[in-house]
Amino acid sequence: MGMRLNEKLPLPAELKAEYPLLKEITEIKEKRDKEIRDIFTGASDKFIVLVGPCSADNEDAVCEYVNRLAKVNEKVSDRLMIIPRIYTNKPRTTGAGYKGMLHQPEPDQAPDLYAGIIAIRKMHIRAIKESGLTAADEMLYPENRSYLDDVLSYEAIGARSVENQQHRLTASGMDIPIGMKNPTSGDFSVMLNSVVAAQSSHTFIYRGMDVTTDGNDLAHVILRGGVDKYGTCNPNYHYEDLVRLLEMYQKMDLKNPAAVIDTNHSNSNKQFKEQIRIAMEIMHSRNYNPELKTLIKGLMIESYLEEGCQSIGNERVYGKSITDPCLGWEDTERLIFEIAEQC
């Protein structure tokens, strides 16, 4: 056979019973979820900053980073809603490379999914307990989100997954915001069709069960730039792109029109320092056009303790990305304050 069974993994309910949430953490999440919902429905005019490492590769480094964010959050919480990126699943274009802590709790060791599901749950819980900030993750594998669905306040569906039926249907059963990225081609229609699907009710098979969803009224778009057939990056954060998105939204019957703009990936051509300039251009466009100010709810920024990236090896720098390059902490802190000033 081409597939062999390595190990039977615990059901999500079993893992949650083994690593339960304290009442104080549940209360933190309920409060933050309400605040985030108010932003997407327009009841609050706070601006969202989704910020953190490309991949969460080390629990201590990630929690130190999130604790630093919490201190910044104390100074800007009247204008911003900071949501840490704690991404534990990583898509790989060719299937090769580090697939995230879910697969490899230790990046330089062999995959161990049993240890991985424990590691990611423990890390998310620790981050909330220490910082008071609930986080975002990527829904790379729809059935795996059940291991974390009681701790996350935001999820994203990546450019390679946004056309997948199971991702769209699973998103329709979530009760937190789900961001649909434009596909790698940059096609806005594909992205918006995913939002339509996620906001609708569906009946399908999920984890061996026949389920029906209510639809997710907080499903929205994330612009991350595209790549043409020649491999050239085509950003879509410029004013004209944002206006085009606004016009397309206005022609569709969608609840809570909203967009988050990713400042890295194909928008920056992975030139991580460009995220600073891109963020400021988006804030300018948003302030120039009142309709864009209503539509654009936040930014997504990749940053870590140390700037840049490194290969996986025995002498890794603590708090430096092992996937895409990220802003360092000093630039990140300065950028968050600059964003707050523009709100």
Protein backbone atom coordinates (compact mmCIF):
# COMPACT_ATOMS: atom_id res chain seq x y z
CA MET A 1 0.00 0.00 0.00
CA GLY A 2 1.05 3.60 -0.60
CA MET A 3 -0.07 4.73 2.87
CA ARG A 4 0.72 3.21 6.25
CA LEU A 5 -0.67 3.90 9.69
CA ASN A 6 1.92 5.36 12.06
CA GLU A 7 -0.18 6.06 15.13
CA LYS A 8 -3.78 6.69 16.09
CA LEU A 9 -4.12 10.26 17.36
CA PRO A 10 -6.44 11.33 20.18
CA LEU A 11 -9.75 12.93 19.32
CA PRO A 12 -9.91 16.71 19.84
CA ALA A 13 -12.23 16.24 22.82
CA GLU A 14 -9.71 13.91 24.43
CA LEU A 15 -6.83 16.36 23.95
CA LYS A 16 -8.93 19.22 25.32
CA ALA A 17 -9.76 17.16 28.40
CA GLU A 18 -6.06 16.46 28.94
CA TYR A 19 -5.07 20.12 28.36
CA PRO A 20 -8.15 22.09 29.44
CA LEU A 21 -8.65 25.84 29.53
CA LEU A 22 -8.75 27.61 32.86
CA LYS A 23 -11.84 29.72 33.48
CA GLU A 24 -9.76 32.91 33.29
CA ILE A 25 -8.55 31.99 29.80
CA THR A 26 -12.09 31.25 28.62
CA GLU A 27 -13.18 34.65 29.92
CA ILE A 28 -10.28 36.39 28.16
CA LYS A 29 -11.21 34.74 24.89
CA GLU A 30 -14.90 35.58 25.22
CA LYS A 31 -14.07 39.24 25.85
CA ARG A 32 -11.61 39.50 22.95
CA ASP A 33 -13.88 37.61 20.57
CA LYS A 34 -16.63 40.13 21.31
CA GLU A 35 -14.27 43.07 20.70
CA ILE A 36 -13.05 41.57 17.42
CA ARG A 37 -16.61 40.86 16.25
CA ASP A 38 -17.53 44.48 16.97
CA ILE A 39 -14.71 45.63 14.68
CA PHE A 40 -15.87 43.46 11.78
CA THR A 41 -19.51 44.43 12.18
CA GLY A 42 -18.69 48.12 12.42
CA ALA A 43 -19.76 48.55 16.06
CA SER A 44 -16.15 49.49 16.91
CA ASP A 45 -13.74 51.62 14.88
CA LYS A 46 -10.60 50.02 16.32
CA PHE A 47 -8.03 48.84 13.77
CA ILE A 48 -6.71 45.27 13.78
CA VAL A 49 -3.00 44.46 13.67
CA LEU A 50 -2.37 40.77 13.04
CA VAL A 51 1.33 40.48 13.74
CA GLY A 52 3.85 37.76 14.51
CA PRO A 53 6.34 35.29 13.07
CA CYS A 54 5.88 33.58 9.71
CA SER A 55 5.93 30.29 11.62
CA ALA A 56 5.74 29.59 15.34
CA ASP A 57 8.80 27.36 15.66
CA ASN A 58 9.78 27.65 19.33
CA GLU A 59 7.44 27.97 22.31
CA ASP A 60 9.75 30.10 24.46
CA ALA A 61 10.56 32.54 21.65
CA VAL A 62 6.92 32.82 20.56
CA CYS A 63 5.71 33.47 24.11
CA GLU A 64 8.44 36.05 24.71
CA TYR A 65 7.37 37.78 21.50
CA VAL A 66 3.67 37.73 22.48
CA ASN A 67 4.48 39.05 25.96
CA ARG A 68 6.30 41.99 24.35
CA LEU A 69 3.22 42.59 22.18
CA ALA A 70 1.08 42.65 25.32
CA LYS A 71 3.15 45.53 26.73
CA VAL A 72 2.73 47.48 23.51
CA ASN A 73 -0.96 46.64 23.49
CA GLU A 74 -1.39 48.39 26.85
CA LYS A 75 -0.36 51.66 25.18
CA VAL A 76 -2.46 51.40 22.01
CA SER A 77 -5.53 49.37 23.01
CA ASP A 78 -7.77 52.44 22.71
CA ARG A 79 -7.13 52.48 18.94
CA LEU A 80 -5.79 49.05 17.97
CA MET A 81 -6.73 45.42 18.45
CA ILE A 82 -3.48 43.46 18.40
CA ILE A 83 -3.87 39.80 17.46
CA PRO A 84 -0.64 37.75 17.60
CA ARG A 85 0.10 35.44 14.69
CA ILE A 86 0.89 32.01 16.18
CA TYR A 87 1.01 29.99 12.99
CA THR A 88 1.57 26.29 13.70
CA ASN A 89 0.79 24.93 10.20
CA LYS A 90 2.82 26.01 7.18
CA PRO A 91 1.91 25.35 3.53
CA ARG A 92 4.81 24.28 1.34
CA THR A 93 4.64 25.06 -2.38
CA THR A 94 6.38 21.81 -3.40
CA GLY A 95 5.50 19.83 -0.29
CA ALA A 96 9.10 19.97 0.93
CA GLY A 97 10.42 21.87 3.94
CA TYR A 98 9.29 22.73 7.46
CA LYS A 99 5.53 22.26 7.76
CA GLY A 100 5.14 23.86 11.16
CA MET A 101 5.10 22.83 14.81
CA LEU A 102 2.10 20.57 14.27
CA HIS A 103 4.33 18.32 12.17
CA GLN A 104 7.68 18.96 13.82
CA PRO A 105 7.71 20.24 17.41
CA GLU A 106 11.48 20.29 16.96
CA PRO A 107 12.23 21.72 13.50
CA ASP A 108 15.45 19.74 13.03
CA GLN A 109 13.90 16.40 14.00
CA ALA A 110 11.58 13.95 12.24
CA PRO A 111 7.83 14.59 12.12
CA ASP A 112 5.88 13.61 15.23
CA LEU A 113 2.24 14.58 14.90
CA TYR A 114 1.18 13.26 18.30
CA ALA A 115 3.79 15.43 20.02
CA GLY A 116 2.88 18.21 17.61
CA ILE A 117 -0.80 18.50 18.49
CA ILE A 118 0.15 18.60 22.17
CA ALA A 119 2.88 21.19 21.57
CA ILE A 120 0.67 23.62 19.64
CA ARG A 121 -2.16 23.45 22.17
CA LYS A 122 0.20 23.99 25.11
CA MET A 123 1.88 26.92 23.34
CA HIS A 124 -1.39 28.70 22.52
CA ILE A 125 -2.67 28.24 26.07
CA ARG A 126 0.60 29.47 27.58
CA ALA A 127 0.60 32.54 25.32
CA ILE A 128 -2.91 33.52 26.43
CA LYS A 129 -2.17 32.88 30.11
CA GLU A 130 1.00 34.98 30.11
CA SER A 131 -0.07 37.82 27.81
CA GLY A 132 -3.85 38.02 27.93
CA LEU A 133 -3.85 38.03 24.11
CA THR A 134 -5.69 35.38 22.10
CA ALA A 135 -4.11 34.61 18.74
CA ALA A 136 -4.55 33.77 15.07
CA ASP A 137 -3.50 30.62 13.22
CA GLU A 138 -3.83 29.36 9.65
CA MET A 139 -6.44 26.74 8.83
CA LEU A 140 -4.22 24.63 6.61
CA TYR A 141 -5.89 21.32 7.49
CA PRO A 142 -9.63 21.84 8.19
CA GLU A 143 -10.05 18.78 10.42
CA ASN A 144 -7.05 19.70 12.58
CA ARG A 145 -8.53 23.04 13.68
CA SER A 146 -10.69 21.14 16.18
CA TYR A 147 -7.63 20.78 18.40
CA LEU A 148 -7.47 24.58 18.77
CA ASP A 149 -10.97 25.86 18.05
CA ASP A 150 -11.54 26.83 21.69
CA VAL A 151 -8.43 29.03 21.92
CA LEU A 152 -8.21 30.88 18.59
CA SER A 153 -9.77 34.30 17.95
CA TYR A 154 -8.95 34.53 14.24
CA GLU A 155 -8.08 32.15 11.40
CA ALA A 156 -6.89 32.59 7.85
CA ILE A 157 -7.17 30.41 4.77
CA GLY A 158 -4.07 30.67 2.62
CA ALA A 159 -3.64 31.39 -1.07
CA ARG A 160 -3.15 27.72 -1.95
CA SER A 161 -6.24 26.56 -0.01
CA VAL A 162 -8.82 29.26 -0.72
CA GLU A 163 -10.42 27.36 -3.64
CA ASN A 164 -10.68 24.11 -1.68
CA GLN A 165 -14.26 23.02 -0.95
CA GLN A 166 -13.55 21.56 2.50
CA HIS A 167 -11.84 24.77 3.64
CA ARG A 168 -14.76 26.88 2.49
CA LEU A 169 -17.40 24.65 4.08
CA THR A 170 -15.50 24.32 7.35
CA ALA A 171 -15.17 28.12 7.50
CA SER A 172 -18.96 28.35 7.28
CA GLY A 173 -19.25 26.62 10.65
CA MET A 174 -16.85 28.84 12.56
CA ASP A 175 -17.88 31.53 15.04
CA ILE A 176 -14.74 33.69 14.73
CA PRO A 177 -13.50 35.81 11.80
CA ILE A 178 -12.01 33.84 8.93
CA GLY A 179 -9.87 35.64 6.36
CA MET A 180 -9.84 34.32 2.79
CA LYS A 181 -6.61 35.20 0.99
CA ASN A 182 -6.59 35.86 -2.70
CA PRO A 183 -5.09 32.88 -4.59
CA THR A 184 -1.49 33.03 -5.80
CA SER A 185 -2.80 34.21 -9.19
CA GLY A 186 -4.15 37.33 -7.44
CA ASP A 187 -7.73 36.70 -8.68
CA PHE A 188 -10.21 38.74 -6.63
CA SER A 189 -13.24 36.76 -7.87
CA VAL A 190 -11.95 33.47 -6.48
CA MET A 191 -11.36 35.11 -3.10
CA LEU A 192 -14.80 36.74 -2.99
CA ASN A 193 -16.51 33.51 -4.07
CA SER A 194 -14.85 31.86 -1.08
CA VAL A 195 -16.37 34.52 1.17
CA VAL A 196 -19.80 33.83 -0.36
CA ALA A 197 -19.37 30.11 0.36
CA ALA A 198 -18.15 30.70 3.92
CA GLN A 199 -21.06 33.02 4.72
CA SER A 200 -23.59 30.42 3.54
CA SER A 201 -25.06 27.36 5.27
CA HIS A 202 -23.85 23.92 4.14
CA THR A 203 -24.35 20.25 4.91
CA PHE A 204 -21.28 18.03 4.49
CA ILE A 205 -19.05 15.39 6.10
CA TYR A 206 -16.71 16.66 8.83
CA ARG A 207 -14.56 14.33 10.93
CA GLY A 208 -16.78 11.39 10.00
CA MET A 209 -20.02 13.18 10.90
CA ASP A 210 -22.93 14.57 8.90
CA VAL A 211 -22.98 18.29 9.86
CA THR A 212 -24.91 21.42 8.91
CA THR A 213 -23.44 24.89 9.41
CA ASP A 214 -25.07 28.26 9.98
CA GLY A 215 -22.69 30.30 7.81
CA ASN A 216 -20.01 32.66 9.10
CA ASP A 217 -21.01 36.31 8.83
CA LEU A 218 -17.45 37.38 9.71
CA ALA A 219 -15.83 35.77 6.65
CA HIS A 220 -13.84 38.41 4.76
CA VAL A 221 -10.92 38.87 2.35
CA ILE A 222 -7.16 39.18 2.78
CA LEU A 223 -5.12 40.78 -0.01
CA ARG A 224 -1.63 39.28 -0.20
CA GLY A 225 -0.54 40.09 -3.75
CA GLY A 226 -0.27 37.67 -6.66
CA VAL A 227 2.21 36.11 -9.04
CA ASP A 228 1.79 36.13 -12.81
CA LYS A 229 2.66 33.32 -15.25
CA TYR A 230 6.19 34.64 -15.53
CA GLY A 231 6.77 34.45 -11.78
CA THR A 232 6.60 38.22 -11.27
CA CYS A 233 4.97 39.47 -8.08
CA ASN A 234 2.01 41.79 -8.58
CA PRO A 235 1.10 43.66 -5.38
CA ASN A 236 -2.54 44.49 -4.69
CA TYR A 237 -2.30 46.92 -1.77
CA HIS A 238 -2.20 50.13 -3.86
CA TYR A 239 -5.07 52.62 -3.78
CA GLU A 240 -6.44 51.48 -7.15
CA ASP A 241 -6.51 47.85 -5.98
CA LEU A 242 -8.36 48.78 -2.82
CA VAL A 243 -10.94 50.80 -4.74
CA ARG A 244 -11.46 47.88 -7.15
CA LEU A 245 -12.04 45.58 -4.20
CA LEU A 246 -14.51 48.06 -2.72
CA GLU A 247 -16.45 48.24 -6.00
CA MET A 248 -16.58 44.44 -6.28
CA TYR A 249 -17.80 44.14 -2.70
CA GLN A 250 -20.53 46.71 -3.36
CA LYS A 251 -21.91 44.57 -6.20
CA MET A 252 -22.22 41.50 -3.98
CA ASP A 253 -24.73 40.69 -1.26
CA LEU A 254 -22.25 39.96 1.53
CA LYS A 255 -22.50 40.54 5.26
CA ASN A 256 -20.02 42.80 7.01
CA PRO A 257 -17.78 43.74 4.04
CA ALA A 258 -14.22 43.75 5.32
CA ALA A 259 -10.62 43.40 4.20
CA VAL A 260 -7.30 42.78 5.89
CA ILE A 261 -4.17 43.65 3.91
CA ASP A 262 -1.11 41.40 4.14
CA THR A 263 2.01 43.58 3.97
CA ASN A 264 4.37 40.70 3.16
CA HIS A 265 4.30 37.75 0.73
CA SER A 266 3.65 38.86 -2.87
CA ASN A 267 2.77 42.38 -1.75
CA SER A 268 6.36 42.93 -0.63
CA ASN A 269 7.99 40.31 -2.88
CA LYS A 270 9.18 38.96 0.51
CA GLN A 271 11.36 42.07 0.99
CA PHE A 272 10.45 42.15 4.66
CA LYS A 273 11.58 45.72 5.35
CA GLU A 274 9.11 46.93 2.72
CA GLN A 275 6.30 46.03 5.13
CA ILE A 276 6.90 49.32 6.94
CA ARG A 277 6.39 51.44 3.82
CA ILE A 278 3.48 49.30 2.61
CA ALA A 279 1.68 49.61 5.94
CA MET A 280 1.99 53.39 5.85
CA GLU A 281 0.72 53.57 2.25
CA ILE A 282 -2.34 51.51 3.19
CA MET A 283 -3.03 53.74 6.19
CA HIS A 284 -2.77 56.81 3.92
CA SER A 285 -5.21 55.29 1.40
CA ARG A 286 -7.57 54.41 4.22
CA ASN A 287 -7.51 57.92 5.65
CA TYR A 288 -7.91 59.52 2.20
CA ASN A 289 -11.08 57.60 1.33
CA PRO A 290 -13.81 57.24 4.00
CA GLU A 291 -15.27 54.18 2.26
CA LEU A 292 -11.91 52.44 2.36
CA LYS A 293 -11.57 53.34 6.02
CA THR A 294 -14.78 51.43 6.67
CA LEU A 295 -13.77 48.47 4.49
CA ILE A 296 -10.15 47.95 5.57
CA LYS A 297 -10.26 46.55 9.08
CA GLY A 298 -6.62 45.67 9.61
CA LEU A 299 -3.11 44.76 8.52
CA MET A 300 -1.23 41.48 8.62
CA ILE A 301 2.49 41.83 9.38
CA GLU A 302 5.22 39.21 9.70
CA SER A 303 7.70 39.93 12.48
CA TYR A 304 9.71 38.14 15.16
CA LEU A 305 12.27 38.91 17.84
CA GLU A 306 15.12 39.08 15.31
CA GLU A 307 14.84 40.34 11.74
CA GLY A 308 15.36 38.27 8.60
CA CYS A 309 15.36 34.48 8.41
CA GLN A 310 17.73 31.55 8.80
CA SER A 311 18.06 27.95 7.72
CA ILE A 312 17.27 25.12 10.09
CA GLY A 313 20.48 23.97 11.77
CA ASN A 314 22.13 23.25 15.09
CA GLU A 315 23.18 26.88 15.66
CA ARG A 316 19.88 28.67 15.18
CA VAL A 317 19.44 32.24 16.39
CA TYR A 318 16.75 32.44 19.07
CA GLY A 319 13.63 34.24 17.82
CA LYS A 320 14.65 34.39 14.14
CA SER A 321 12.34 32.98 11.46
CA ILE A 322 13.14 29.63 9.85
CA THR A 323 10.65 30.27 7.04
CA ASP A 324 9.94 33.67 5.42
CA PRO A 325 11.98 36.70 6.58
CA CYS A 326 10.35 38.90 9.21
CA LEU A 327 10.72 42.36 10.69
CA GLY A 328 12.73 42.49 13.91
CA TRP A 329 11.25 43.62 17.20
CA GLU A 330 12.50 47.23 17.19
CA ASP A 331 10.99 47.92 13.77
CA THR A 332 7.79 46.13 14.76
CA GLU A 333 7.26 48.13 17.93
CA ARG A 334 7.90 51.40 16.09
CA LEU A 335 5.55 50.41 13.26
CA ILE A 336 2.70 49.53 15.63
CA PHE A 337 2.94 52.96 17.26
CA GLU A 338 2.98 54.63 13.83
CA ILE A 339 -0.13 52.68 12.78
CA ALA A 340 -1.88 53.75 15.99
CA GLU A 341 -1.10 57.38 15.21
CA GLN A 342 -2.80 57.02 11.80
CA CYS A 343 -6.03 55.61 13.26
